[in-house]
Each structure stands twice: as structure tokens, then as C-alpha cells.
Amino acid sequence: MNGYLIREATAADAKSLVALMLAYWAHEGIAPREPDSLRRQVEQFLSTPAYGQGWLAVAAEEPVGYLLCTFVYSFEHGGPMAEIDELFVDAQHRQQGIGRALLQRAQGHLAERGYVALQMQVSEHNARAQHFWARLGLSPKAGYRLWLAPLGTWPKL
């Protein structure tokens, strides 16, 4: 990975992260959010260690990729674990080991702190991402499908 630096993201990186996030969401077909609101959310996330952590890939002082992990506790897996909420490398910087380097940095950091598992969601339509994870020896969790209940719009029970 020539010329790239992987470092922990801070709240000061929020504007750069938002630009990369919006590029990622466009790539995945995720509806964009208002940038200023998203920037404030990223600042809050990176200023609250209990929420999770992020890493930024930088080339020539320009952010070119990122990884954001959120933290949860899992009884099934026996302790604290992290979920990769977002992993993205700008199109012109792919196939250079940046995604793997971001993942290695996160994996080492989390293992040192006692996290027991790392999980991620991958779009059914993103064959390239599925191939990336498969090359690393991962596979989908058989028999499970993600269900989502947005609490603000969930019908009253």
C-alpha cells in the first residue's frame, strides 16, 4: 500500500468523512442525507467512544477511504463485538490494498481491547464486496436475514 496512511478518525475529520460517505451511499443506491446534519452525526459518533470508532485512509493528505465500526454486546458471541457499519474506498484508489489495510487496523485495535467478534452487512447486489469478504475467508451467516425496525416509524404494538 504505497503512499497511504491509515489513522484513527476524529471528529475533525467529519467533513471529509461525509464526502466519502455520500460517495459510498451513491455507489450502494442508499438515499443521501442532508450533509450538515450528517456531519453533526459523524462528529457526535467520533466524539463518543462508547458508540464506536473509525479509521481513515489518507493519500497525499486527501482522505480516500474509511471504516466505521459500531459497538454492541453479544451474549451469543460471548462478549463485546463490533459491526462494520461502513467500509468504503474511493473508486480510483481500489485494488491497492486500502480496504484490507483499514480492516487490519480495525481488527488489531479491536482484538487488543478484548472484542470477540466483528460482523458486517453486505448488499445482496454488491458482488465486488462479497468477493472481497470471501477472499478474506468470511461467509454469510447461514440461516439469518437482517430485519430492521425503525423506532420512529414502527407501528404501535
N, C-alpha and C. Protein backbone atom coordinates (compact mmCIF):
# COMPACT_ATOMS: atom_id res chain seq x y z
N MET A 1 0.85 -1.17 0.00
CA MET A 1 0.00 0.00 0.00
C MET A 1 0.89 1.24 0.00
N ASN A 2 1.43 1.58 -1.12
CA ASN A 2 2.35 2.71 -1.24
C ASN A 2 1.64 4.04 -1.11
N GLY A 3 2.23 4.93 -0.30
CA GLY A 3 1.75 6.29 -0.22
C GLY A 3 0.46 6.50 0.54
N TYR A 4 0.01 5.51 1.28
CA TYR A 4 -1.22 5.64 2.03
C TYR A 4 -0.94 5.52 3.51
N LEU A 5 -1.71 6.25 4.28
CA LEU A 5 -1.63 6.21 5.73
C LEU A 5 -3.00 5.83 6.26
N ILE A 6 -3.05 4.90 7.20
CA ILE A 6 -4.29 4.54 7.88
C ILE A 6 -4.17 5.11 9.29
N ARG A 7 -5.16 5.92 9.68
CA ARG A 7 -5.14 6.51 11.02
C ARG A 7 -6.54 6.52 11.59
N GLU A 8 -6.61 6.67 12.91
CA GLU A 8 -7.91 6.78 13.56
C GLU A 8 -8.58 8.06 13.12
N ALA A 9 -9.87 7.99 12.87
CA ALA A 9 -10.65 9.17 12.50
C ALA A 9 -11.05 9.91 13.77
N THR A 10 -11.11 11.22 13.68
CA THR A 10 -11.54 12.06 14.79
C THR A 10 -12.71 12.93 14.32
N ALA A 11 -13.33 13.60 15.26
CA ALA A 11 -14.44 14.50 14.92
C ALA A 11 -14.01 15.56 13.92
N ALA A 12 -12.73 15.94 13.94
CA ALA A 12 -12.22 16.94 12.99
C ALA A 12 -12.26 16.43 11.55
N ASP A 13 -12.39 15.12 11.36
CA ASP A 13 -12.45 14.51 10.03
C ASP A 13 -13.88 14.42 9.49
N ALA A 14 -14.84 14.92 10.22
CA ALA A 14 -16.25 14.72 9.86
C ALA A 14 -16.58 15.19 8.45
N LYS A 15 -16.12 16.36 8.06
CA LYS A 15 -16.44 16.88 6.73
C LYS A 15 -15.90 15.96 5.64
N SER A 16 -14.68 15.50 5.80
CA SER A 16 -14.09 14.58 4.82
C SER A 16 -14.82 13.25 4.81
N LEU A 17 -15.19 12.76 5.98
CA LEU A 17 -15.92 11.50 6.05
C LEU A 17 -17.28 11.61 5.38
N VAL A 18 -17.97 12.72 5.58
CA VAL A 18 -19.28 12.90 4.95
C VAL A 18 -19.16 12.83 3.43
N ALA A 19 -18.15 13.45 2.86
CA ALA A 19 -17.96 13.39 1.41
C ALA A 19 -17.78 11.94 0.94
N LEU A 20 -16.97 11.17 1.67
CA LEU A 20 -16.77 9.77 1.32
C LEU A 20 -18.04 8.96 1.55
N MET A 21 -18.75 9.25 2.64
CA MET A 21 -19.99 8.53 2.94
C MET A 21 -21.03 8.74 1.83
N LEU A 22 -21.16 9.97 1.39
CA LEU A 22 -22.13 10.25 0.33
C LEU A 22 -21.75 9.55 -0.98
N ALA A 23 -20.45 9.43 -1.25
CA ALA A 23 -19.99 8.68 -2.43
C ALA A 23 -20.32 7.20 -2.26
N TYR A 24 -20.11 6.67 -1.06
CA TYR A 24 -20.43 5.27 -0.78
C TYR A 24 -21.93 5.02 -0.95
N TRP A 25 -22.74 5.90 -0.38
CA TRP A 25 -24.18 5.72 -0.45
C TRP A 25 -24.67 5.79 -1.89
N ALA A 26 -24.09 6.68 -2.69
CA ALA A 26 -24.45 6.75 -4.10
C ALA A 26 -24.10 5.44 -4.80
N HIS A 27 -22.93 4.90 -4.47
CA HIS A 27 -22.47 3.63 -5.03
C HIS A 27 -23.44 2.50 -4.68
N GLU A 28 -23.96 2.51 -3.45
CA GLU A 28 -24.84 1.45 -2.97
C GLU A 28 -26.32 1.72 -3.25
N GLY A 29 -26.64 2.91 -3.77
CA GLY A 29 -28.03 3.25 -4.01
C GLY A 29 -28.79 3.60 -2.75
N ILE A 30 -28.08 4.08 -1.73
CA ILE A 30 -28.70 4.49 -0.47
C ILE A 30 -29.07 5.97 -0.60
N ALA A 31 -30.27 6.31 -0.17
CA ALA A 31 -30.72 7.70 -0.26
C ALA A 31 -29.79 8.61 0.54
N PRO A 32 -29.35 9.71 -0.06
CA PRO A 32 -28.44 10.62 0.65
C PRO A 32 -29.16 11.36 1.77
N ARG A 33 -28.38 11.83 2.71
CA ARG A 33 -28.90 12.65 3.80
C ARG A 33 -28.35 14.05 3.65
N GLU A 34 -28.96 14.98 4.32
CA GLU A 34 -28.52 16.38 4.30
C GLU A 34 -27.11 16.44 4.89
N PRO A 35 -26.12 16.97 4.16
CA PRO A 35 -24.71 16.91 4.59
C PRO A 35 -24.43 17.54 5.96
N ASP A 36 -25.01 18.68 6.28
CA ASP A 36 -24.71 19.30 7.58
C ASP A 36 -25.22 18.46 8.74
N SER A 37 -26.40 17.88 8.59
CA SER A 37 -26.96 17.01 9.62
C SER A 37 -26.09 15.75 9.77
N LEU A 38 -25.67 15.19 8.65
CA LEU A 38 -24.81 14.01 8.67
C LEU A 38 -23.46 14.34 9.31
N ARG A 39 -22.91 15.52 9.00
CA ARG A 39 -21.63 15.92 9.60
C ARG A 39 -21.76 15.99 11.13
N ARG A 40 -22.84 16.56 11.62
CA ARG A 40 -23.05 16.65 13.07
C ARG A 40 -23.16 15.25 13.68
N GLN A 41 -23.83 14.35 12.97
CA GLN A 41 -23.96 12.98 13.45
C GLN A 41 -22.59 12.29 13.51
N VAL A 42 -21.78 12.48 12.49
CA VAL A 42 -20.43 11.89 12.47
C VAL A 42 -19.58 12.48 13.60
N GLU A 43 -19.67 13.78 13.81
CA GLU A 43 -18.93 14.41 14.91
C GLU A 43 -19.33 13.80 16.25
N GLN A 44 -20.63 13.63 16.46
CA GLN A 44 -21.10 13.04 17.72
C GLN A 44 -20.60 11.60 17.86
N PHE A 45 -20.70 10.84 16.78
CA PHE A 45 -20.24 9.45 16.81
C PHE A 45 -18.76 9.36 17.20
N LEU A 46 -17.93 10.16 16.53
CA LEU A 46 -16.49 10.08 16.76
C LEU A 46 -16.07 10.74 18.07
N SER A 47 -16.96 11.48 18.70
CA SER A 47 -16.67 12.10 20.00
C SER A 47 -17.20 11.28 21.16
N THR A 48 -17.85 10.16 20.86
CA THR A 48 -18.45 9.32 21.89
C THR A 48 -17.88 7.91 21.77
N PRO A 49 -16.78 7.60 22.48
CA PRO A 49 -16.12 6.31 22.32
C PRO A 49 -17.02 5.10 22.53
N ALA A 50 -18.05 5.21 23.33
CA ALA A 50 -18.95 4.07 23.55
C ALA A 50 -19.73 3.69 22.29
N TYR A 51 -19.90 4.62 21.36
CA TYR A 51 -20.64 4.34 20.14
C TYR A 51 -19.85 3.48 19.17
N GLY A 52 -18.56 3.73 19.07
CA GLY A 52 -17.76 3.01 18.11
C GLY A 52 -16.50 3.76 17.77
N GLN A 53 -15.91 3.41 16.64
CA GLN A 53 -14.64 4.00 16.24
C GLN A 53 -14.53 4.00 14.73
N GLY A 54 -13.69 4.89 14.22
CA GLY A 54 -13.48 4.97 12.79
C GLY A 54 -12.01 5.09 12.43
N TRP A 55 -11.70 4.69 11.21
CA TRP A 55 -10.36 4.81 10.66
C TRP A 55 -10.47 5.43 9.28
N LEU A 56 -9.45 6.17 8.93
CA LEU A 56 -9.43 6.91 7.68
C LEU A 56 -8.17 6.53 6.91
N ALA A 57 -8.32 6.31 5.61
CA ALA A 57 -7.17 6.08 4.73
C ALA A 57 -6.89 7.40 4.01
N VAL A 58 -5.64 7.84 4.07
CA VAL A 58 -5.26 9.14 3.52
C VAL A 58 -4.11 8.94 2.55
N ALA A 59 -4.24 9.59 1.37
CA ALA A 59 -3.18 9.60 0.36
C ALA A 59 -2.91 11.04 0.00
N ALA A 60 -1.65 11.47 0.09
CA ALA A 60 -1.27 12.84 -0.24
C ALA A 60 -2.19 13.84 0.48
N GLU A 61 -2.44 13.56 1.75
CA GLU A 61 -3.26 14.41 2.63
C GLU A 61 -4.73 14.46 2.23
N GLU A 62 -5.17 13.58 1.32
CA GLU A 62 -6.57 13.52 0.91
C GLU A 62 -7.19 12.21 1.39
N PRO A 63 -8.30 12.27 2.10
CA PRO A 63 -8.98 11.04 2.51
C PRO A 63 -9.49 10.27 1.29
N VAL A 64 -9.19 8.97 1.24
CA VAL A 64 -9.59 8.15 0.09
C VAL A 64 -10.40 6.93 0.50
N GLY A 65 -10.55 6.69 1.79
CA GLY A 65 -11.32 5.55 2.26
C GLY A 65 -11.54 5.64 3.75
N TYR A 66 -12.49 4.84 4.22
CA TYR A 66 -12.78 4.85 5.66
C TYR A 66 -13.45 3.56 6.08
N LEU A 67 -13.41 3.31 7.38
CA LEU A 67 -14.10 2.20 8.01
C LEU A 67 -14.67 2.72 9.31
N LEU A 68 -15.97 2.49 9.53
CA LEU A 68 -16.63 2.88 10.77
C LEU A 68 -17.21 1.64 11.43
N CYS A 69 -16.87 1.43 12.70
CA CYS A 69 -17.40 0.31 13.48
C CYS A 69 -18.27 0.83 14.61
N THR A 70 -19.39 0.16 14.83
CA THR A 70 -20.21 0.43 15.99
C THR A 70 -20.03 -0.72 16.97
N PHE A 71 -20.23 -0.43 18.25
CA PHE A 71 -20.00 -1.43 19.29
C PHE A 71 -21.32 -1.95 19.86
N VAL A 72 -21.37 -3.25 20.09
CA VAL A 72 -22.52 -3.90 20.73
C VAL A 72 -21.99 -4.99 21.66
N TYR A 73 -22.87 -5.48 22.52
CA TYR A 73 -22.53 -6.62 23.38
C TYR A 73 -23.36 -7.80 22.92
N SER A 74 -22.73 -8.95 22.75
CA SER A 74 -23.42 -10.13 22.25
C SER A 74 -23.28 -11.29 23.21
N PHE A 75 -24.41 -11.79 23.70
CA PHE A 75 -24.38 -12.99 24.53
C PHE A 75 -24.06 -14.20 23.66
N GLU A 76 -24.59 -14.22 22.45
CA GLU A 76 -24.33 -15.33 21.52
C GLU A 76 -22.84 -15.51 21.27
N HIS A 77 -22.13 -14.41 21.12
CA HIS A 77 -20.69 -14.48 20.80
C HIS A 77 -19.81 -14.34 22.03
N GLY A 78 -20.39 -14.11 23.18
CA GLY A 78 -19.63 -14.16 24.43
C GLY A 78 -18.93 -12.88 24.83
N GLY A 79 -19.43 -11.74 24.43
CA GLY A 79 -18.81 -10.50 24.87
C GLY A 79 -19.01 -9.36 23.90
N PRO A 80 -18.17 -8.33 24.07
CA PRO A 80 -18.30 -7.16 23.20
C PRO A 80 -17.87 -7.49 21.78
N MET A 81 -18.60 -6.94 20.85
CA MET A 81 -18.25 -7.14 19.46
C MET A 81 -18.47 -5.83 18.70
N ALA A 82 -17.99 -5.80 17.50
CA ALA A 82 -18.13 -4.61 16.67
C ALA A 82 -18.81 -5.00 15.37
N GLU A 83 -19.51 -4.04 14.81
CA GLU A 83 -20.09 -4.22 13.49
C GLU A 83 -19.52 -3.16 12.57
N ILE A 84 -19.02 -3.60 11.43
CA ILE A 84 -18.57 -2.63 10.43
C ILE A 84 -19.83 -2.03 9.84
N ASP A 85 -20.09 -0.79 10.19
CA ASP A 85 -21.26 -0.11 9.66
C ASP A 85 -20.98 0.37 8.24
N GLU A 86 -19.76 0.82 8.00
CA GLU A 86 -19.41 1.29 6.67
C GLU A 86 -17.92 1.04 6.41
N LEU A 87 -17.64 0.56 5.21
CA LEU A 87 -16.27 0.40 4.71
C LEU A 87 -16.32 0.80 3.25
N PHE A 88 -15.50 1.78 2.89
CA PHE A 88 -15.54 2.29 1.52
C PHE A 88 -14.17 2.82 1.13
N VAL A 89 -13.80 2.56 -0.11
CA VAL A 89 -12.59 3.13 -0.71
C VAL A 89 -13.02 3.78 -2.01
N ASP A 90 -12.58 5.01 -2.22
CA ASP A 90 -12.89 5.75 -3.44
C ASP A 90 -12.48 4.92 -4.65
N ALA A 91 -13.31 4.97 -5.70
CA ALA A 91 -13.13 4.10 -6.88
C ALA A 91 -11.72 4.16 -7.46
N GLN A 92 -11.11 5.33 -7.55
CA GLN A 92 -9.79 5.41 -8.18
C GLN A 92 -8.65 4.89 -7.30
N HIS A 93 -8.98 4.52 -6.06
CA HIS A 93 -7.95 4.00 -5.14
C HIS A 93 -8.18 2.54 -4.77
N ARG A 94 -9.11 1.90 -5.43
CA ARG A 94 -9.40 0.49 -5.13
C ARG A 94 -8.33 -0.41 -5.73
N GLN A 95 -8.33 -1.65 -5.28
CA GLN A 95 -7.40 -2.67 -5.76
C GLN A 95 -5.95 -2.33 -5.42
N GLN A 96 -5.76 -1.56 -4.33
CA GLN A 96 -4.41 -1.19 -3.90
C GLN A 96 -4.15 -1.62 -2.46
N GLY A 97 -5.05 -2.43 -1.88
CA GLY A 97 -4.86 -2.92 -0.52
C GLY A 97 -5.37 -2.00 0.57
N ILE A 98 -6.06 -0.93 0.20
CA ILE A 98 -6.52 0.03 1.21
C ILE A 98 -7.63 -0.55 2.07
N GLY A 99 -8.60 -1.21 1.45
CA GLY A 99 -9.68 -1.83 2.22
C GLY A 99 -9.14 -2.85 3.21
N ARG A 100 -8.23 -3.68 2.74
CA ARG A 100 -7.61 -4.68 3.61
C ARG A 100 -6.82 -4.00 4.74
N ALA A 101 -6.11 -2.93 4.43
CA ALA A 101 -5.34 -2.22 5.45
C ALA A 101 -6.26 -1.58 6.50
N LEU A 102 -7.38 -1.02 6.05
CA LEU A 102 -8.35 -0.46 7.01
C LEU A 102 -8.86 -1.56 7.92
N LEU A 103 -9.21 -2.69 7.33
CA LEU A 103 -9.73 -3.81 8.10
C LEU A 103 -8.68 -4.36 9.08
N GLN A 104 -7.43 -4.50 8.63
CA GLN A 104 -6.37 -4.99 9.51
C GLN A 104 -6.17 -4.05 10.70
N ARG A 105 -6.20 -2.76 10.44
CA ARG A 105 -6.03 -1.78 11.53
C ARG A 105 -7.16 -1.90 12.54
N ALA A 106 -8.40 -1.98 12.05
CA ALA A 106 -9.55 -2.11 12.94
C ALA A 106 -9.49 -3.43 13.70
N GLN A 107 -9.19 -4.51 13.00
CA GLN A 107 -9.14 -5.84 13.61
C GLN A 107 -8.11 -5.88 14.74
N GLY A 108 -6.93 -5.35 14.50
CA GLY A 108 -5.90 -5.34 15.53
C GLY A 108 -6.30 -4.51 16.73
N HIS A 109 -6.85 -3.34 16.48
CA HIS A 109 -7.28 -2.44 17.55
C HIS A 109 -8.36 -3.10 18.40
N LEU A 110 -9.34 -3.70 17.75
CA LEU A 110 -10.45 -4.32 18.46
C LEU A 110 -9.99 -5.54 19.26
N ALA A 111 -9.15 -6.36 18.68
CA ALA A 111 -8.65 -7.55 19.38
C ALA A 111 -7.86 -7.16 20.62
N GLU A 112 -7.03 -6.12 20.52
CA GLU A 112 -6.27 -5.64 21.68
C GLU A 112 -7.16 -5.21 22.82
N ARG A 113 -8.36 -4.76 22.51
CA ARG A 113 -9.28 -4.24 23.52
C ARG A 113 -10.32 -5.27 23.96
N GLY A 114 -10.15 -6.52 23.55
CA GLY A 114 -10.99 -7.59 24.04
C GLY A 114 -12.28 -7.84 23.29
N TYR A 115 -12.44 -7.26 22.11
CA TYR A 115 -13.64 -7.55 21.33
C TYR A 115 -13.53 -8.96 20.79
N VAL A 116 -14.65 -9.67 20.78
CA VAL A 116 -14.62 -11.10 20.45
C VAL A 116 -15.07 -11.42 19.03
N ALA A 117 -15.73 -10.49 18.37
CA ALA A 117 -16.21 -10.76 17.01
C ALA A 117 -16.38 -9.46 16.25
N LEU A 118 -16.35 -9.59 14.95
CA LEU A 118 -16.57 -8.47 14.05
C LEU A 118 -17.54 -8.95 12.98
N GLN A 119 -18.61 -8.20 12.80
CA GLN A 119 -19.59 -8.59 11.77
C GLN A 119 -19.82 -7.41 10.83
N MET A 120 -20.43 -7.71 9.69
CA MET A 120 -20.74 -6.65 8.73
C MET A 120 -21.93 -7.07 7.90
N GLN A 121 -22.58 -6.11 7.30
CA GLN A 121 -23.68 -6.36 6.37
C GLN A 121 -23.14 -6.06 4.97
N VAL A 122 -23.57 -6.87 4.02
CA VAL A 122 -23.15 -6.67 2.64
C VAL A 122 -24.39 -6.73 1.76
N SER A 123 -24.54 -5.76 0.91
CA SER A 123 -25.67 -5.72 -0.01
C SER A 123 -25.69 -6.98 -0.87
N GLU A 124 -26.89 -7.51 -1.07
CA GLU A 124 -27.03 -8.68 -1.93
C GLU A 124 -26.58 -8.39 -3.35
N HIS A 125 -26.58 -7.11 -3.73
CA HIS A 125 -26.24 -6.73 -5.10
C HIS A 125 -24.78 -6.30 -5.27
N ASN A 126 -24.03 -6.28 -4.19
CA ASN A 126 -22.64 -5.82 -4.28
C ASN A 126 -21.71 -7.03 -4.36
N ALA A 127 -21.61 -7.58 -5.56
CA ALA A 127 -20.79 -8.77 -5.77
C ALA A 127 -19.32 -8.50 -5.46
N ARG A 128 -18.86 -7.31 -5.76
CA ARG A 128 -17.45 -6.98 -5.50
C ARG A 128 -17.13 -7.04 -4.01
N ALA A 129 -18.02 -6.49 -3.18
CA ALA A 129 -17.82 -6.54 -1.73
C ALA A 129 -17.91 -7.98 -1.23
N GLN A 130 -18.86 -8.73 -1.75
CA GLN A 130 -18.98 -10.13 -1.34
C GLN A 130 -17.71 -10.90 -1.68
N HIS A 131 -17.15 -10.64 -2.84
CA HIS A 131 -15.90 -11.28 -3.25
C HIS A 131 -14.76 -10.88 -2.31
N PHE A 132 -14.70 -9.60 -1.94
CA PHE A 132 -13.68 -9.10 -1.01
C PHE A 132 -13.72 -9.89 0.30
N TRP A 133 -14.93 -10.01 0.88
CA TRP A 133 -15.05 -10.72 2.16
C TRP A 133 -14.75 -12.20 2.00
N ALA A 134 -15.18 -12.79 0.90
CA ALA A 134 -14.92 -14.21 0.67
C ALA A 134 -13.41 -14.48 0.54
N ARG A 135 -12.68 -13.58 -0.14
CA ARG A 135 -11.22 -13.73 -0.27
C ARG A 135 -10.54 -13.68 1.09
N LEU A 136 -11.16 -13.00 2.05
CA LEU A 136 -10.60 -12.92 3.40
C LEU A 136 -11.02 -14.10 4.27
N GLY A 137 -11.81 -15.02 3.71
CA GLY A 137 -12.21 -16.21 4.42
C GLY A 137 -13.53 -16.10 5.17
N LEU A 138 -14.30 -15.04 4.93
CA LEU A 138 -15.58 -14.88 5.59
C LEU A 138 -16.70 -15.39 4.70
N SER A 139 -17.84 -15.67 5.32
CA SER A 139 -19.02 -16.08 4.57
C SER A 139 -20.26 -15.58 5.30
N PRO A 140 -21.39 -15.50 4.59
CA PRO A 140 -22.62 -15.05 5.25
C PRO A 140 -23.02 -16.01 6.37
N LYS A 141 -23.68 -15.49 7.38
CA LYS A 141 -24.16 -16.32 8.48
C LYS A 141 -25.39 -17.08 7.99
N ALA A 142 -25.23 -18.37 7.81
CA ALA A 142 -26.30 -19.20 7.25
C ALA A 142 -27.55 -19.16 8.13
N GLY A 143 -28.68 -19.09 7.47
CA GLY A 143 -29.94 -19.17 8.17
C GLY A 143 -30.45 -17.88 8.76
N TYR A 144 -29.76 -16.76 8.50
CA TYR A 144 -30.17 -15.49 9.09
C TYR A 144 -30.41 -14.44 8.02
N ARG A 145 -31.37 -13.59 8.27
CA ARG A 145 -31.66 -12.45 7.43
C ARG A 145 -31.83 -11.25 8.36
N LEU A 146 -31.28 -10.13 8.00
CA LEU A 146 -31.37 -8.92 8.81
C LEU A 146 -32.78 -8.34 8.73
N TRP A 147 -33.34 -8.01 9.88
CA TRP A 147 -34.65 -7.35 9.96
C TRP A 147 -34.42 -6.00 10.60
N LEU A 148 -35.16 -5.01 10.16
CA LEU A 148 -34.96 -3.64 10.64
C LEU A 148 -36.28 -3.07 11.12
N ALA A 149 -36.25 -2.44 12.28
CA ALA A 149 -37.45 -1.81 12.84
C ALA A 149 -37.11 -0.37 13.23
N PRO A 150 -37.25 0.58 12.29
CA PRO A 150 -37.00 1.99 12.65
C PRO A 150 -37.99 2.43 13.71
N LEU A 151 -37.50 2.77 14.89
CA LEU A 151 -38.38 3.03 16.03
C LEU A 151 -39.28 4.23 15.84
N GLY A 152 -38.87 5.22 15.08
CA GLY A 152 -39.69 6.38 14.87
C GLY A 152 -40.91 6.12 13.99
N THR A 153 -40.87 5.05 13.21
CA THR A 153 -41.98 4.77 12.30
C THR A 153 -42.60 3.40 12.55
N TRP A 154 -42.12 2.69 13.54
CA TRP A 154 -42.63 1.35 13.83
C TRP A 154 -44.06 1.44 14.34
N PRO A 155 -44.97 0.63 13.80
CA PRO A 155 -46.37 0.70 14.27
C PRO A 155 -46.45 0.33 15.76
N LYS A 156 -47.40 0.94 16.44
CA LYS A 156 -47.60 0.62 17.85
C LYS A 156 -48.08 -0.81 17.96
N LEU A 157 -47.57 -1.49 18.95
CA LEU A 157 -47.95 -2.90 19.17
C LEU A 157 -49.14 -2.99 20.07
